[in-house]
N, C-alpha and C. Protein backbone atom coordinates (compact mmCIF):
# COMPACT_ATOMS: atom_id res chain seq x y z
N MET A 1 -125.12 -173.05 -42.83
CA MET A 1 -123.59 -172.50 -42.09
C MET A 1 -123.46 -172.44 -41.17
N GLN A 2 -124.24 -171.45 -40.39
CA GLN A 2 -124.37 -170.91 -38.87
C GLN A 2 -124.15 -172.20 -38.21
N GLN A 3 -125.04 -173.15 -38.38
CA GLN A 3 -125.18 -174.68 -38.17
C GLN A 3 -123.92 -175.22 -37.53
N MET A 4 -123.55 -175.22 -39.19
CA MET A 4 -122.54 -176.36 -39.21
C MET A 4 -120.84 -175.80 -38.51
N ASP A 5 -120.76 -174.34 -38.66
CA ASP A 5 -119.73 -173.71 -37.59
C ASP A 5 -120.33 -174.54 -36.13
N THR A 6 -121.57 -174.41 -35.61
CA THR A 6 -121.42 -174.72 -34.82
C THR A 6 -121.08 -175.76 -34.20
N SER A 7 -121.84 -176.70 -35.04
CA SER A 7 -121.28 -177.80 -34.79
C SER A 7 -119.27 -178.06 -34.56
N VAL A 8 -119.36 -177.52 -35.62
CA VAL A 8 -117.38 -177.93 -36.06
C VAL A 8 -116.91 -177.17 -34.22
N GLY A 9 -117.39 -175.78 -33.86
CA GLY A 9 -116.66 -174.97 -32.75
C GLY A 9 -117.00 -176.48 -30.95
N ARG A 10 -118.54 -177.18 -31.08
CA ARG A 10 -118.48 -177.57 -30.61
C ARG A 10 -118.12 -179.11 -30.05
N ARG A 11 -117.59 -179.68 -31.25
CA ARG A 11 -117.01 -180.70 -31.24
C ARG A 11 -115.22 -180.39 -31.33
N LEU A 12 -114.99 -178.86 -31.48
CA LEU A 12 -113.33 -178.84 -30.87
C LEU A 12 -113.29 -178.59 -29.83
N LEU A 13 -114.39 -178.42 -29.22
CA LEU A 13 -114.46 -177.77 -27.60
C LEU A 13 -114.20 -179.19 -26.93
N ARG A 14 -115.46 -179.88 -27.01
CA ARG A 14 -115.30 -181.10 -26.80
C ARG A 14 -114.01 -181.49 -26.70
N TRP A 15 -113.24 -181.83 -27.65
CA TRP A 15 -111.72 -182.41 -27.97
C TRP A 15 -110.86 -182.04 -27.65
N GLY A 16 -111.43 -180.80 -27.18
CA GLY A 16 -110.04 -179.93 -26.26
C GLY A 16 -109.83 -179.93 -25.26
N VAL A 17 -111.26 -180.13 -24.85
CA VAL A 17 -111.48 -180.32 -23.13
C VAL A 17 -110.91 -181.38 -22.45
N ALA A 18 -111.23 -182.61 -23.74
CA ALA A 18 -110.67 -184.27 -23.28
C ALA A 18 -109.09 -184.33 -23.64
N VAL A 19 -108.78 -183.25 -24.48
CA VAL A 19 -107.07 -183.67 -24.95
C VAL A 19 -106.26 -182.86 -23.80
N VAL A 20 -106.46 -181.66 -23.51
CA VAL A 20 -106.08 -180.86 -22.07
C VAL A 20 -106.59 -181.39 -21.17
N GLY A 21 -107.50 -182.03 -20.72
CA GLY A 21 -107.68 -181.94 -19.59
C GLY A 21 -106.80 -183.51 -18.70
N ALA A 22 -106.73 -184.34 -20.13
CA ALA A 22 -106.31 -185.47 -19.82
C ALA A 22 -104.59 -184.81 -19.58
N HIS A 23 -104.02 -184.14 -20.65
CA HIS A 23 -102.67 -183.64 -20.87
C HIS A 23 -102.34 -183.33 -19.28
N PHE A 24 -103.13 -182.23 -19.00
CA PHE A 24 -103.07 -181.66 -17.64
C PHE A 24 -102.82 -182.57 -16.23
N LEU A 25 -103.97 -183.58 -16.84
CA LEU A 25 -103.55 -184.62 -14.80
C LEU A 25 -102.35 -185.42 -15.97
N LEU A 26 -101.82 -185.90 -16.86
CA LEU A 26 -101.07 -186.28 -17.07
C LEU A 26 -99.42 -185.55 -16.72
N VAL A 27 -99.29 -184.37 -17.22
CA VAL A 27 -98.56 -183.60 -16.41
C VAL A 27 -98.22 -183.75 -14.99
N LEU A 28 -99.25 -183.79 -14.33
CA LEU A 28 -99.38 -183.93 -12.91
C LEU A 28 -98.12 -185.31 -12.63
N TRP A 29 -99.03 -185.81 -12.95
CA TRP A 29 -98.00 -187.70 -12.99
C TRP A 29 -97.02 -187.73 -13.69
N HIS A 30 -96.61 -187.10 -14.44
CA HIS A 30 -95.20 -187.15 -15.05
C HIS A 30 -94.37 -186.26 -14.01
N LEU A 31 -95.05 -185.21 -13.56
CA LEU A 31 -93.87 -184.27 -12.74
C LEU A 31 -93.95 -185.14 -11.66
N LEU A 32 -94.44 -186.06 -10.56
CA LEU A 32 -94.59 -187.11 -9.34
C LEU A 32 -93.58 -187.95 -10.04
N LEU A 33 -93.47 -188.58 -11.04
CA LEU A 33 -92.65 -188.99 -11.47
C LEU A 33 -91.33 -188.97 -12.12
N LEU A 34 -91.17 -187.58 -12.59
CA LEU A 34 -89.76 -187.55 -12.40
C LEU A 34 -88.91 -186.75 -11.48
N LEU A 35 -89.77 -186.27 -10.23
CA LEU A 35 -89.57 -186.01 -8.90
C LEU A 35 -89.16 -187.58 -8.46
N THR A 36 -89.83 -188.15 -8.66
CA THR A 36 -89.28 -189.96 -8.22
C THR A 36 -88.01 -190.01 -8.90
N VAL A 37 -87.94 -190.28 -10.20
CA VAL A 37 -86.28 -190.76 -10.94
C VAL A 37 -85.58 -189.90 -11.01
N GLU A 38 -85.64 -188.62 -10.52
CA GLU A 38 -84.32 -187.17 -10.92
C GLU A 38 -84.60 -186.65 -9.89
N PRO A 39 -83.68 -187.14 -8.38
CA PRO A 39 -84.27 -186.70 -7.30
C PRO A 39 -83.70 -185.07 -7.67
N ASN A 40 -82.40 -185.10 -8.16
CA ASN A 40 -82.07 -184.09 -8.39
C ASN A 40 -82.78 -182.94 -8.86
N THR A 41 -83.97 -182.77 -9.14
CA THR A 41 -84.77 -181.81 -10.50
C THR A 41 -85.06 -180.59 -9.32
N PRO A 42 -84.70 -179.62 -10.10
CA PRO A 42 -84.83 -178.15 -9.30
C PRO A 42 -86.30 -178.20 -8.34
N ARG A 43 -85.90 -177.99 -7.28
CA ARG A 43 -87.55 -177.82 -6.49
C ARG A 43 -88.46 -176.55 -7.27
N LEU A 44 -88.36 -175.78 -7.62
CA LEU A 44 -89.07 -175.13 -8.58
C LEU A 44 -89.68 -175.34 -10.22
N LEU A 45 -89.04 -176.22 -10.36
CA LEU A 45 -89.49 -176.60 -11.51
C LEU A 45 -91.01 -177.13 -11.88
N PRO A 46 -91.50 -177.82 -10.78
CA PRO A 46 -92.66 -178.51 -10.93
C PRO A 46 -94.20 -177.16 -11.04
N PRO A 47 -93.47 -176.72 -9.91
CA PRO A 47 -94.58 -175.74 -9.40
C PRO A 47 -94.46 -174.55 -11.06
N ILE A 48 -93.75 -173.91 -11.32
CA ILE A 48 -93.43 -173.24 -13.02
C ILE A 48 -94.06 -173.91 -13.93
N LEU A 49 -94.09 -175.45 -14.40
CA LEU A 49 -94.72 -176.13 -15.09
C LEU A 49 -96.26 -176.16 -14.85
N ILE A 50 -96.62 -176.30 -13.61
CA ILE A 50 -97.97 -176.89 -13.24
C ILE A 50 -98.96 -175.31 -13.65
N LEU A 51 -97.87 -173.78 -13.46
CA LEU A 51 -98.42 -172.84 -14.29
C LEU A 51 -98.60 -172.68 -15.21
N ILE A 52 -97.84 -172.98 -15.84
CA ILE A 52 -97.46 -173.10 -17.45
C ILE A 52 -99.14 -173.98 -17.93
N ASN A 53 -98.70 -174.68 -17.48
CA ASN A 53 -99.93 -175.91 -18.09
C ASN A 53 -101.09 -175.94 -17.91
N LEU A 54 -101.71 -174.66 -16.69
CA LEU A 54 -102.83 -173.93 -16.89
C LEU A 54 -103.39 -172.95 -18.00
N LEU A 55 -102.11 -172.24 -18.94
CA LEU A 55 -102.72 -171.71 -19.93
C LEU A 55 -103.58 -172.41 -20.74
N PRO A 56 -103.47 -173.73 -21.09
CA PRO A 56 -104.50 -174.51 -21.79
C PRO A 56 -105.53 -175.05 -21.55
N LEU A 57 -105.62 -174.77 -20.43
CA LEU A 57 -107.05 -174.98 -19.74
C LEU A 57 -107.92 -173.32 -19.79
N ALA A 58 -106.70 -172.13 -19.38
CA ALA A 58 -107.68 -170.80 -19.89
C ALA A 58 -107.90 -170.76 -20.82
N GLY A 59 -107.09 -171.61 -21.99
CA GLY A 59 -107.26 -171.36 -24.09
C GLY A 59 -108.66 -172.02 -24.20
N LEU A 60 -109.22 -173.17 -23.52
CA LEU A 60 -110.88 -173.78 -23.63
C LEU A 60 -111.74 -172.81 -23.05
N LEU A 61 -111.52 -171.97 -21.85
CA LEU A 61 -112.59 -171.18 -21.55
C LEU A 61 -112.25 -169.86 -22.53
N ALA A 62 -111.45 -169.43 -22.74
CA ALA A 62 -111.27 -168.37 -23.93
C ALA A 62 -112.11 -168.99 -25.48
N TYR A 63 -111.49 -170.19 -25.48
CA TYR A 63 -112.71 -170.63 -26.45
C TYR A 63 -113.67 -171.09 -26.52
N ALA A 64 -114.61 -171.22 -25.62
CA ALA A 64 -116.17 -171.31 -24.84
C ALA A 64 -116.69 -169.73 -25.23
N LYS A 65 -115.98 -168.66 -24.89
CA LYS A 65 -116.32 -167.60 -24.55
C LYS A 65 -116.88 -166.57 -26.31
N GLY A 66 -116.11 -167.60 -27.08
CA GLY A 66 -115.71 -167.48 -28.41
C GLY A 66 -114.61 -166.72 -29.10
N PHE A 67 -113.15 -166.41 -28.17
CA PHE A 67 -112.01 -166.15 -28.71
C PHE A 67 -111.51 -167.14 -29.13
N SER A 68 -111.65 -167.23 -30.45
CA SER A 68 -110.87 -168.58 -31.09
C SER A 68 -109.49 -168.54 -30.91
N LYS A 69 -108.91 -167.54 -31.24
CA LYS A 69 -107.75 -166.89 -32.07
C LYS A 69 -107.08 -167.17 -30.92
N SER A 70 -107.14 -166.28 -29.68
CA SER A 70 -106.86 -165.87 -28.38
C SER A 70 -106.57 -167.30 -27.62
N ALA A 71 -107.90 -168.14 -28.18
CA ALA A 71 -107.54 -169.57 -27.67
C ALA A 71 -106.94 -170.46 -27.60
N ALA A 72 -106.77 -170.56 -29.21
CA ALA A 72 -105.75 -171.51 -29.80
C ALA A 72 -103.94 -171.14 -29.25
N ILE A 73 -103.77 -169.97 -29.43
CA ILE A 73 -103.00 -169.71 -29.08
C ILE A 73 -102.54 -170.16 -27.34
N LEU A 74 -103.43 -169.47 -26.61
CA LEU A 74 -103.03 -169.89 -25.39
C LEU A 74 -102.64 -171.77 -25.28
N ILE A 75 -103.82 -172.23 -25.81
CA ILE A 75 -103.62 -174.03 -26.40
C ILE A 75 -102.44 -174.53 -26.78
N ALA A 76 -101.92 -174.21 -27.49
CA ALA A 76 -100.79 -174.53 -28.75
C ALA A 76 -99.71 -173.91 -27.63
N LEU A 77 -98.66 -172.55 -27.96
CA LEU A 77 -97.93 -172.12 -27.07
C LEU A 77 -97.40 -173.10 -25.82
N PRO A 78 -97.92 -173.63 -25.04
CA PRO A 78 -97.06 -174.74 -24.10
C PRO A 78 -97.23 -175.79 -24.19
N LEU A 79 -98.27 -175.99 -25.34
CA LEU A 79 -98.03 -178.06 -25.88
C LEU A 79 -97.14 -177.90 -26.74
N ALA A 80 -96.76 -176.80 -27.26
CA ALA A 80 -95.69 -176.41 -28.60
C ALA A 80 -94.42 -176.35 -27.91
N VAL A 81 -94.02 -175.76 -26.50
CA VAL A 81 -93.15 -175.81 -26.23
C VAL A 81 -92.30 -177.13 -25.59
N GLY A 82 -93.91 -177.62 -24.66
CA GLY A 82 -93.91 -178.58 -23.85
C GLY A 82 -93.33 -179.89 -25.01
N LEU A 83 -94.21 -180.13 -26.05
CA LEU A 83 -93.60 -181.24 -26.92
C LEU A 83 -91.92 -180.90 -27.34
N ALA A 84 -92.07 -179.64 -27.65
CA ALA A 84 -90.44 -180.01 -28.38
C ALA A 84 -89.33 -180.31 -27.32
N ILE A 85 -89.42 -179.22 -26.10
CA ILE A 85 -88.22 -179.86 -24.49
C ILE A 85 -88.42 -181.01 -24.55
N GLY A 86 -89.55 -181.62 -24.15
CA GLY A 86 -89.68 -182.61 -23.91
C GLY A 86 -89.44 -183.73 -24.28
N GLY A 87 -89.85 -183.58 -26.02
CA GLY A 87 -89.47 -184.52 -27.19
C GLY A 87 -87.82 -184.73 -27.28
N TYR A 88 -87.24 -183.47 -27.14
CA TYR A 88 -86.19 -183.34 -26.98
C TYR A 88 -85.34 -184.00 -25.72
N SER A 89 -85.27 -183.90 -24.56
CA SER A 89 -85.10 -184.30 -23.31
C SER A 89 -85.07 -186.32 -23.05
N HIS A 90 -86.38 -186.23 -23.05
CA HIS A 90 -87.08 -187.84 -23.08
C HIS A 90 -86.31 -188.31 -24.46
N PHE A 91 -86.18 -188.12 -25.19
CA PHE A 91 -86.12 -189.05 -26.79
C PHE A 91 -84.80 -189.04 -27.60
N LEU A 92 -84.54 -187.46 -27.31
CA LEU A 92 -83.05 -187.23 -28.40
C LEU A 92 -81.72 -186.90 -27.29
N SER A 93 -81.32 -186.74 -25.80
CA SER A 93 -81.04 -186.24 -25.75
C SER A 93 -80.13 -187.20 -24.82
N PRO A 94 -78.84 -187.42 -24.61
CA PRO A 94 -78.00 -188.09 -23.94
C PRO A 94 -77.99 -187.99 -22.42
N GLY A 95 -79.70 -187.50 -21.57
CA GLY A 95 -78.87 -187.10 -20.29
C GLY A 95 -80.10 -188.58 -19.49
N THR A 96 -80.46 -188.48 -18.73
CA THR A 96 -80.47 -189.88 -17.95
C THR A 96 -82.15 -189.75 -18.02
N ASP A 97 -82.73 -188.74 -18.46
CA ASP A 97 -84.18 -188.56 -18.09
C ASP A 97 -84.45 -189.21 -19.78
N ASN A 98 -83.69 -189.72 -20.79
CA ASN A 98 -84.23 -190.06 -21.98
C ASN A 98 -84.97 -191.49 -21.66
N VAL A 99 -85.65 -191.63 -22.27
CA VAL A 99 -86.02 -193.07 -21.90
C VAL A 99 -85.89 -193.96 -22.73
N PHE A 100 -84.88 -193.79 -23.44
CA PHE A 100 -83.92 -195.09 -23.62
C PHE A 100 -82.84 -195.36 -23.30
N ARG A 101 -82.47 -194.41 -22.42
CA ARG A 101 -81.00 -194.50 -21.66
C ARG A 101 -81.33 -194.65 -20.18
N MET A 102 -82.84 -194.56 -19.47
CA MET A 102 -82.90 -194.70 -18.13
C MET A 102 -82.30 -195.60 -17.61
N PRO A 103 -81.60 -195.68 -16.68
CA PRO A 103 -81.12 -197.02 -15.47
C PRO A 103 -82.49 -197.39 -15.53
N PRO A 104 -82.61 -199.02 -15.04
CA PRO A 104 -83.81 -200.04 -15.05
C PRO A 104 -83.64 -198.86 -13.08
N GLY A 105 -84.93 -199.29 -13.08
CA GLY A 105 -85.81 -199.23 -11.43
C GLY A 105 -87.15 -199.27 -11.64
N GLU A 106 -87.87 -198.83 -10.45
CA GLU A 106 -88.72 -199.10 -10.14
C GLU A 106 -90.12 -198.00 -10.83
N PHE A 107 -89.67 -197.14 -10.97
CA PHE A 107 -90.51 -196.18 -12.11
C PHE A 107 -90.11 -195.79 -13.16
N ARG A 108 -89.29 -196.55 -13.99
CA ARG A 108 -88.84 -196.66 -15.57
C ARG A 108 -89.80 -196.66 -16.47
N LEU A 109 -90.69 -197.84 -16.05
CA LEU A 109 -92.21 -197.93 -17.28
C LEU A 109 -92.69 -196.73 -16.99
N SER A 110 -93.14 -196.50 -16.39
CA SER A 110 -94.51 -195.39 -16.08
C SER A 110 -94.25 -194.22 -16.43
N PHE A 111 -92.38 -193.82 -16.20
CA PHE A 111 -92.09 -192.85 -16.94
C PHE A 111 -92.15 -192.87 -18.13
N GLN A 112 -91.68 -193.66 -19.16
CA GLN A 112 -91.36 -194.17 -20.05
C GLN A 112 -92.92 -193.97 -21.23
N VAL A 113 -94.03 -194.59 -20.41
CA VAL A 113 -95.35 -194.59 -20.99
C VAL A 113 -95.78 -192.87 -20.56
N SER A 114 -95.13 -192.06 -19.32
CA SER A 114 -95.65 -191.08 -19.39
C SER A 114 -95.65 -190.26 -20.24
N ALA A 115 -94.27 -190.32 -20.59
CA ALA A 115 -93.13 -189.55 -21.78
C ALA A 115 -94.06 -189.85 -22.91
N LEU A 116 -94.48 -190.91 -23.40
CA LEU A 116 -94.81 -191.46 -25.01
C LEU A 116 -96.06 -190.72 -24.50
N LEU A 117 -97.17 -190.56 -23.76
CA LEU A 117 -98.18 -189.69 -23.79
C LEU A 117 -98.68 -188.51 -23.51
N LEU A 118 -97.65 -187.88 -23.44
CA LEU A 118 -97.37 -186.90 -23.20
C LEU A 118 -97.09 -186.23 -25.15
N VAL A 119 -96.43 -187.05 -25.08
CA VAL A 119 -95.99 -186.61 -27.06
C VAL A 119 -97.42 -186.40 -27.69
N ILE A 120 -98.11 -187.49 -27.39
CA ILE A 120 -99.59 -188.13 -28.31
C ILE A 120 -100.46 -186.96 -27.98
N LEU A 121 -100.62 -186.29 -27.00
CA LEU A 121 -101.51 -185.30 -26.24
C LEU A 121 -101.08 -184.09 -26.73
N GLU A 122 -99.73 -183.48 -26.81
CA GLU A 122 -99.16 -182.24 -26.57
C GLU A 122 -99.52 -182.52 -28.27
N ALA A 123 -99.10 -183.41 -29.44
CA ALA A 123 -99.37 -183.44 -30.78
C ALA A 123 -100.75 -182.81 -30.90
N SER A 124 -101.28 -184.00 -30.38
CA SER A 124 -102.75 -183.66 -30.29
C SER A 124 -103.69 -182.56 -30.02
N GLY A 125 -102.87 -182.05 -28.72
CA GLY A 125 -103.42 -180.57 -28.98
C GLY A 125 -103.34 -179.09 -29.51
N CYS A 126 -101.78 -179.14 -29.72
CA CYS A 126 -101.61 -178.43 -31.19
C CYS A 126 -102.27 -178.30 -32.10
N TRP A 127 -103.02 -179.85 -32.94
CA TRP A 127 -103.78 -179.73 -33.85
C TRP A 127 -104.72 -179.69 -33.48
N ILE A 128 -105.52 -179.11 -32.44
CA ILE A 128 -107.06 -178.81 -32.02
C ILE A 128 -106.63 -177.27 -32.42
N ALA A 129 -105.82 -177.17 -31.15
CA ALA A 129 -105.50 -175.63 -31.56
C ALA A 129 -105.69 -175.09 -32.69
N LEU A 130 -104.62 -175.39 -33.28
CA LEU A 130 -105.28 -174.97 -34.98
C LEU A 130 -106.27 -174.62 -35.77
N ARG A 131 -107.15 -175.84 -35.37
CA ARG A 131 -108.12 -176.35 -36.13
C ARG A 131 -109.16 -175.16 -35.52
N MET A 132 -108.55 -175.10 -34.31
CA MET A 132 -109.38 -173.78 -33.34
C MET A 132 -108.87 -172.51 -34.39
N PHE A 133 -107.74 -171.86 -34.37
CA PHE A 133 -107.39 -170.63 -34.46
C PHE A 133 -108.14 -170.48 -36.36
N VAL A 134 -108.02 -171.53 -36.90
CA VAL A 134 -108.53 -171.42 -38.44
C VAL A 134 -110.36 -171.53 -38.25
N SER A 135 -110.89 -172.11 -37.58
CA SER A 135 -112.05 -171.96 -37.55
C SER A 135 -113.24 -170.94 -37.76
N LYS A 136 -113.94 -170.76 -38.53
CA LYS A 136 -114.73 -169.42 -38.96
C LYS A 136 -115.58 -169.01 -37.28
N ASN A 137 -115.64 -170.47 -36.31
CA ASN A 137 -116.07 -169.84 -34.83
C ASN A 137 -116.08 -168.18 -34.44
N SER A 138 -117.06 -167.30 -34.62
CA SER A 138 -117.06 -166.10 -33.95
C SER A 138 -117.90 -166.20 -32.90
N GLY A 139 -117.95 -165.79 -31.63
CA GLY A 139 -118.63 -166.05 -30.82
C GLY A 139 -118.57 -167.86 -29.78
N SER A 140 -119.38 -167.69 -29.23
CA SER A 140 -119.50 -168.97 -27.74
C SER A 140 -120.19 -170.14 -29.24
N PRO A 141 -118.88 -171.25 -28.85
CA PRO A 141 -119.82 -172.14 -29.78
C PRO A 141 -121.38 -172.72 -29.01
N MET A 142 -121.43 -172.07 -27.47
CA MET A 142 -122.24 -172.79 -26.67
C MET A 142 -123.37 -172.09 -26.73
N ASP A 143 -123.29 -170.69 -27.19
CA ASP A 143 -124.58 -169.90 -27.80
C ASP A 143 -125.56 -170.22 -28.57
N LYS A 144 -124.84 -170.62 -29.73
CA LYS A 144 -125.60 -170.88 -31.04
C LYS A 144 -126.64 -171.93 -30.92
């Protein structure tokens, strides 16, 4: 039983690193596109969003150290909030950063692709965090 928990813990950690790492890099790219497409974006927004998106990376470290519940919260909370806010503003809102209502431009397709990929990675990250939360992993998955 302990071997199975270790295997699950390592697999969750590997998937978490892949999804959360890709998400962080994609957030940086998306913010760069946002500043290009929407030049009126408040200048304080990108640094705040970058800091918030460091929390899932900290969650991966916490999971590797054996704090599965705290790790899951650190991963799920920012990703779920990003999924809700980004999902609304990029797919449902009447604003200019809605991917279906964007005016034609050089970065339109890149912005649309990044918004869609963010939804996929945020949903995947929330699922991984949920699995971490309910896992019976006590102690570091790397120790066993």
